[in-house]
């Protein structure tokens, strides 16, 4: 067991290699968050949780999400943050697709 723990410790000390395919915005100033026609469902045969949603959040603005339980608020936030990927449409942060960040 000591050998395995020492090996795990060795692996944890390795530097994380950057991915050459990821694109980082050069300007770190927030210029906007957009959801453009996004649709998402939790399973292949499930009904759409979100269907064709378009939303723009501009710098200095406040956006309130409201709705009944199960209306897709948490799903929308997961899509906007990149935790989920939309089945259709695109989420963009500072005009860069979230999938590329």
N, C-alpha and C. Protein backbone atom coordinates (compact mmCIF):
# COMPACT_ATOMS: atom_id res chain seq x y z
N UNK A 1 0.82 -1.19 0.00
CA UNK A 1 0.00 0.00 0.00
C UNK A 1 0.87 1.27 0.00
N UNK A 2 1.99 1.22 0.70
CA UNK A 2 2.88 2.38 0.74
C UNK A 2 3.41 2.71 -0.65
N UNK A 3 3.71 1.65 -1.43
CA UNK A 3 4.20 1.88 -2.79
C UNK A 3 3.14 2.58 -3.65
N UNK A 4 1.88 2.10 -3.55
CA UNK A 4 0.81 2.70 -4.34
C UNK A 4 0.59 4.17 -3.94
N UNK A 5 0.64 4.47 -2.65
CA UNK A 5 0.46 5.84 -2.19
C UNK A 5 1.60 6.73 -2.67
N UNK A 6 2.81 6.20 -2.67
CA UNK A 6 3.95 6.97 -3.15
C UNK A 6 3.78 7.26 -4.65
N UNK A 7 3.27 6.28 -5.40
CA UNK A 7 3.05 6.48 -6.84
C UNK A 7 1.97 7.54 -7.08
N UNK A 8 0.88 7.48 -6.32
CA UNK A 8 -0.18 8.48 -6.44
C UNK A 8 0.39 9.86 -6.14
N UNK A 9 1.20 9.96 -5.10
CA UNK A 9 1.82 11.25 -4.76
C UNK A 9 2.71 11.74 -5.90
N UNK A 10 3.46 10.84 -6.52
CA UNK A 10 4.29 11.22 -7.67
C UNK A 10 3.43 11.78 -8.81
N UNK A 11 2.32 11.12 -9.08
CA UNK A 11 1.44 11.56 -10.16
C UNK A 11 0.82 12.93 -9.87
N UNK A 12 0.49 13.16 -8.60
CA UNK A 12 -0.09 14.45 -8.23
C UNK A 12 0.90 15.60 -8.35
N UNK A 13 2.17 15.30 -8.34
CA UNK A 13 3.19 16.34 -8.44
C UNK A 13 3.49 16.72 -9.89
N UNK A 14 3.01 15.95 -10.85
CA UNK A 14 3.28 16.26 -12.25
C UNK A 14 2.55 17.53 -12.67
N UNK A 15 3.19 18.36 -13.50
CA UNK A 15 2.51 19.57 -13.98
C UNK A 15 1.38 19.20 -14.94
N UNK A 16 0.36 20.01 -14.97
CA UNK A 16 -0.76 19.79 -15.88
C UNK A 16 -0.40 20.42 -17.22
N UNK A 17 -0.44 19.61 -18.25
CA UNK A 17 -0.09 20.10 -19.58
C UNK A 17 -1.27 20.86 -20.17
N UNK A 18 -1.05 22.06 -20.69
CA UNK A 18 -2.15 22.79 -21.32
C UNK A 18 -2.57 22.11 -22.63
N UNK A 19 -3.83 22.18 -22.92
CA UNK A 19 -4.33 21.61 -24.16
C UNK A 19 -4.16 22.64 -25.28
N UNK A 20 -3.51 22.27 -26.37
CA UNK A 20 -3.28 23.23 -27.45
C UNK A 20 -4.55 23.60 -28.20
N UNK A 21 -5.64 22.81 -28.04
CA UNK A 21 -6.86 23.09 -28.79
C UNK A 21 -7.77 24.08 -28.07
N UNK A 22 -7.50 24.37 -26.80
CA UNK A 22 -8.36 25.29 -26.07
C UNK A 22 -8.02 26.73 -26.41
N UNK A 23 -9.03 27.53 -26.53
CA UNK A 23 -8.85 28.93 -26.88
C UNK A 23 -9.22 29.79 -25.67
N UNK A 24 -8.35 30.67 -25.27
CA UNK A 24 -8.60 31.55 -24.13
C UNK A 24 -8.80 32.97 -24.64
N UNK A 25 -9.81 33.66 -24.11
CA UNK A 25 -9.97 35.06 -24.52
C UNK A 25 -8.75 35.87 -24.11
N UNK A 26 -8.28 36.72 -24.99
CA UNK A 26 -7.12 37.54 -24.66
C UNK A 26 -7.52 38.73 -23.80
N UNK A 27 -8.75 39.17 -23.93
CA UNK A 27 -9.25 40.27 -23.12
C UNK A 27 -10.11 39.68 -22.01
N UNK A 28 -9.70 39.85 -20.77
CA UNK A 28 -10.41 39.25 -19.67
C UNK A 28 -11.58 40.10 -19.18
N UNK A 29 -11.86 41.18 -19.87
CA UNK A 29 -13.00 42.01 -19.53
C UNK A 29 -14.27 41.32 -20.03
N UNK A 30 -15.30 41.28 -19.18
CA UNK A 30 -16.56 40.66 -19.56
C UNK A 30 -17.27 41.51 -20.59
N UNK A 31 -17.53 40.92 -21.75
CA UNK A 31 -18.22 41.65 -22.81
C UNK A 31 -19.59 41.07 -23.12
N UNK A 32 -19.92 39.95 -22.51
CA UNK A 32 -21.26 39.41 -22.72
C UNK A 32 -21.32 37.91 -22.65
N UNK A 33 -22.50 37.42 -22.33
CA UNK A 33 -22.79 35.99 -22.30
C UNK A 33 -24.04 35.80 -23.15
N UNK A 34 -23.97 34.87 -24.09
CA UNK A 34 -25.09 34.65 -24.99
C UNK A 34 -25.44 33.17 -25.06
N UNK A 35 -26.72 32.89 -25.06
CA UNK A 35 -27.25 31.58 -25.42
C UNK A 35 -27.99 31.80 -26.72
N UNK A 36 -27.62 31.09 -27.76
CA UNK A 36 -28.18 31.32 -29.08
C UNK A 36 -28.90 30.06 -29.54
N UNK A 37 -30.21 30.06 -29.44
CA UNK A 37 -31.02 28.94 -29.92
C UNK A 37 -30.70 27.61 -29.28
N UNK A 38 -30.41 27.60 -27.96
CA UNK A 38 -30.00 26.35 -27.33
C UNK A 38 -31.20 25.46 -26.99
N UNK A 39 -30.99 24.18 -27.22
CA UNK A 39 -31.97 23.15 -26.88
C UNK A 39 -31.24 22.04 -26.15
N UNK A 40 -31.93 21.45 -25.17
CA UNK A 40 -31.29 20.40 -24.37
C UNK A 40 -32.36 19.47 -23.80
N UNK A 41 -32.04 18.19 -23.78
CA UNK A 41 -32.87 17.22 -23.07
C UNK A 41 -31.95 16.27 -22.33
N UNK A 42 -32.44 15.76 -21.20
CA UNK A 42 -31.61 14.96 -20.31
C UNK A 42 -31.42 13.53 -20.79
N UNK A 43 -32.29 13.03 -21.65
CA UNK A 43 -32.15 11.69 -22.21
C UNK A 43 -32.66 11.72 -23.65
N UNK A 44 -32.22 10.76 -24.43
CA UNK A 44 -32.52 10.74 -25.86
C UNK A 44 -34.01 10.82 -26.16
N UNK A 45 -34.82 10.09 -25.43
CA UNK A 45 -36.26 10.07 -25.71
C UNK A 45 -37.06 10.97 -24.77
N UNK A 46 -36.38 11.73 -23.92
CA UNK A 46 -37.06 12.62 -22.98
C UNK A 46 -37.55 13.87 -23.71
N UNK A 47 -38.55 14.53 -23.16
CA UNK A 47 -38.96 15.81 -23.76
C UNK A 47 -37.86 16.85 -23.60
N UNK A 48 -37.89 17.85 -24.44
CA UNK A 48 -36.89 18.91 -24.37
C UNK A 48 -37.06 19.67 -23.05
N UNK A 49 -35.97 19.81 -22.30
CA UNK A 49 -35.98 20.65 -21.10
C UNK A 49 -35.95 22.11 -21.50
N UNK A 50 -35.18 22.40 -22.54
CA UNK A 50 -35.11 23.75 -23.13
C UNK A 50 -35.17 23.56 -24.63
N UNK A 51 -35.90 24.42 -25.30
CA UNK A 51 -36.07 24.26 -26.74
C UNK A 51 -35.97 25.62 -27.43
N UNK A 52 -34.82 25.88 -28.05
CA UNK A 52 -34.62 27.10 -28.82
C UNK A 52 -34.49 28.37 -28.00
N UNK A 53 -33.87 28.26 -26.84
CA UNK A 53 -33.74 29.42 -25.94
C UNK A 53 -32.63 30.35 -26.43
N UNK A 54 -32.95 31.63 -26.48
CA UNK A 54 -31.96 32.66 -26.81
C UNK A 54 -31.97 33.68 -25.67
N UNK A 55 -30.78 34.01 -25.18
CA UNK A 55 -30.63 34.90 -24.04
C UNK A 55 -29.34 35.68 -24.20
N UNK A 56 -29.37 36.97 -23.89
CA UNK A 56 -28.16 37.78 -23.91
C UNK A 56 -28.02 38.48 -22.56
N UNK A 57 -26.86 38.33 -21.94
CA UNK A 57 -26.54 39.02 -20.68
C UNK A 57 -25.40 39.99 -20.99
N UNK A 58 -25.67 41.26 -20.86
CA UNK A 58 -24.69 42.28 -21.19
C UNK A 58 -24.00 42.79 -19.94
N UNK A 59 -22.79 43.35 -20.08
CA UNK A 59 -22.08 43.89 -18.92
C UNK A 59 -22.93 44.93 -18.20
N UNK A 60 -22.95 44.85 -16.87
CA UNK A 60 -23.68 45.80 -16.06
C UNK A 60 -25.16 45.50 -15.91
N UNK A 61 -25.63 44.46 -16.59
CA UNK A 61 -27.05 44.13 -16.50
C UNK A 61 -27.27 43.04 -15.44
N UNK A 62 -28.50 42.93 -14.99
CA UNK A 62 -28.89 41.88 -14.05
C UNK A 62 -29.95 41.04 -14.73
N UNK A 63 -29.82 39.73 -14.59
CA UNK A 63 -30.78 38.82 -15.20
C UNK A 63 -31.35 37.93 -14.11
N UNK A 64 -32.66 37.86 -14.05
CA UNK A 64 -33.36 37.05 -13.07
C UNK A 64 -34.00 35.88 -13.79
N UNK A 65 -33.74 34.67 -13.30
CA UNK A 65 -34.39 33.48 -13.84
C UNK A 65 -35.47 33.06 -12.88
N UNK A 66 -36.68 32.98 -13.36
CA UNK A 66 -37.80 32.56 -12.52
C UNK A 66 -38.62 31.54 -13.26
N UNK A 67 -39.32 30.72 -12.51
CA UNK A 67 -40.19 29.73 -13.13
C UNK A 67 -40.54 28.64 -12.14
N UNK A 68 -41.49 27.84 -12.52
CA UNK A 68 -41.95 26.74 -11.68
C UNK A 68 -40.87 25.65 -11.57
N UNK A 69 -41.03 24.81 -10.58
CA UNK A 69 -40.14 23.66 -10.42
C UNK A 69 -40.16 22.82 -11.70
N UNK A 70 -38.99 22.49 -12.19
CA UNK A 70 -38.91 21.67 -13.39
C UNK A 70 -39.00 22.44 -14.69
N UNK A 71 -38.95 23.76 -14.64
CA UNK A 71 -39.10 24.55 -15.87
C UNK A 71 -37.79 24.75 -16.63
N UNK A 72 -36.65 24.31 -16.06
CA UNK A 72 -35.39 24.37 -16.79
C UNK A 72 -34.40 25.42 -16.31
N UNK A 73 -34.65 26.04 -15.17
CA UNK A 73 -33.74 27.08 -14.66
C UNK A 73 -32.35 26.52 -14.38
N UNK A 74 -32.27 25.43 -13.66
CA UNK A 74 -30.97 24.83 -13.33
C UNK A 74 -30.28 24.29 -14.57
N UNK A 75 -31.06 23.74 -15.47
CA UNK A 75 -30.49 23.24 -16.73
C UNK A 75 -29.89 24.39 -17.53
N UNK A 76 -30.59 25.52 -17.58
CA UNK A 76 -30.07 26.68 -18.29
C UNK A 76 -28.75 27.15 -17.67
N UNK A 77 -28.70 27.22 -16.35
CA UNK A 77 -27.45 27.63 -15.69
C UNK A 77 -26.32 26.65 -15.95
N UNK A 78 -26.64 25.36 -15.97
CA UNK A 78 -25.61 24.35 -16.28
C UNK A 78 -25.10 24.51 -17.70
N UNK A 79 -25.97 24.85 -18.63
CA UNK A 79 -25.56 25.09 -20.01
C UNK A 79 -24.72 26.36 -20.13
N UNK A 80 -25.16 27.43 -19.46
CA UNK A 80 -24.42 28.70 -19.53
C UNK A 80 -23.03 28.58 -18.92
N UNK A 81 -22.89 27.74 -17.91
CA UNK A 81 -21.58 27.59 -17.25
C UNK A 81 -20.70 26.55 -17.92
N UNK A 82 -21.22 25.83 -18.89
CA UNK A 82 -20.42 24.83 -19.58
C UNK A 82 -20.46 23.46 -18.94
N UNK A 83 -21.24 23.27 -17.89
CA UNK A 83 -21.35 21.95 -17.28
C UNK A 83 -22.08 20.97 -18.19
N UNK A 84 -23.05 21.46 -18.93
CA UNK A 84 -23.75 20.68 -19.95
C UNK A 84 -23.44 21.31 -21.30
N UNK A 85 -23.51 20.51 -22.34
CA UNK A 85 -23.37 21.01 -23.71
C UNK A 85 -24.73 20.96 -24.38
N UNK A 86 -25.14 22.03 -25.04
CA UNK A 86 -26.45 22.01 -25.69
C UNK A 86 -26.47 21.02 -26.85
N UNK A 87 -27.63 20.41 -27.07
CA UNK A 87 -27.80 19.51 -28.23
C UNK A 87 -27.91 20.32 -29.51
N UNK A 88 -28.45 21.52 -29.37
CA UNK A 88 -28.55 22.43 -30.51
C UNK A 88 -28.21 23.82 -30.00
N UNK A 89 -27.72 24.66 -30.87
CA UNK A 89 -27.40 26.04 -30.51
C UNK A 89 -26.02 26.17 -29.91
N UNK A 90 -25.76 27.33 -29.33
CA UNK A 90 -24.42 27.63 -28.85
C UNK A 90 -24.47 28.61 -27.68
N UNK A 91 -23.55 28.42 -26.74
CA UNK A 91 -23.37 29.36 -25.64
C UNK A 91 -22.03 30.05 -25.88
N UNK A 92 -22.01 31.38 -25.77
CA UNK A 92 -20.80 32.15 -26.03
C UNK A 92 -20.51 33.08 -24.86
N UNK A 93 -19.26 33.12 -24.45
CA UNK A 93 -18.78 34.03 -23.42
C UNK A 93 -17.74 34.93 -24.05
N UNK A 94 -17.96 36.23 -23.99
CA UNK A 94 -17.06 37.20 -24.64
C UNK A 94 -16.87 36.84 -26.11
N UNK A 95 -17.95 36.42 -26.74
CA UNK A 95 -17.99 36.06 -28.16
C UNK A 95 -17.15 34.82 -28.50
N UNK A 96 -16.78 34.03 -27.51
CA UNK A 96 -16.05 32.78 -27.73
C UNK A 96 -16.96 31.64 -27.29
N UNK A 97 -17.15 30.61 -28.12
CA UNK A 97 -17.98 29.47 -27.70
C UNK A 97 -17.45 28.87 -26.39
N UNK A 98 -18.35 28.65 -25.44
CA UNK A 98 -17.96 28.09 -24.14
C UNK A 98 -17.29 26.74 -24.33
N UNK A 99 -17.66 26.00 -25.36
CA UNK A 99 -17.05 24.69 -25.61
C UNK A 99 -15.56 24.80 -25.95
N UNK A 100 -15.08 26.00 -26.30
CA UNK A 100 -13.67 26.18 -26.63
C UNK A 100 -12.87 26.76 -25.47
N UNK A 101 -13.52 27.05 -24.35
CA UNK A 101 -12.79 27.62 -23.21
C UNK A 101 -12.26 26.52 -22.32
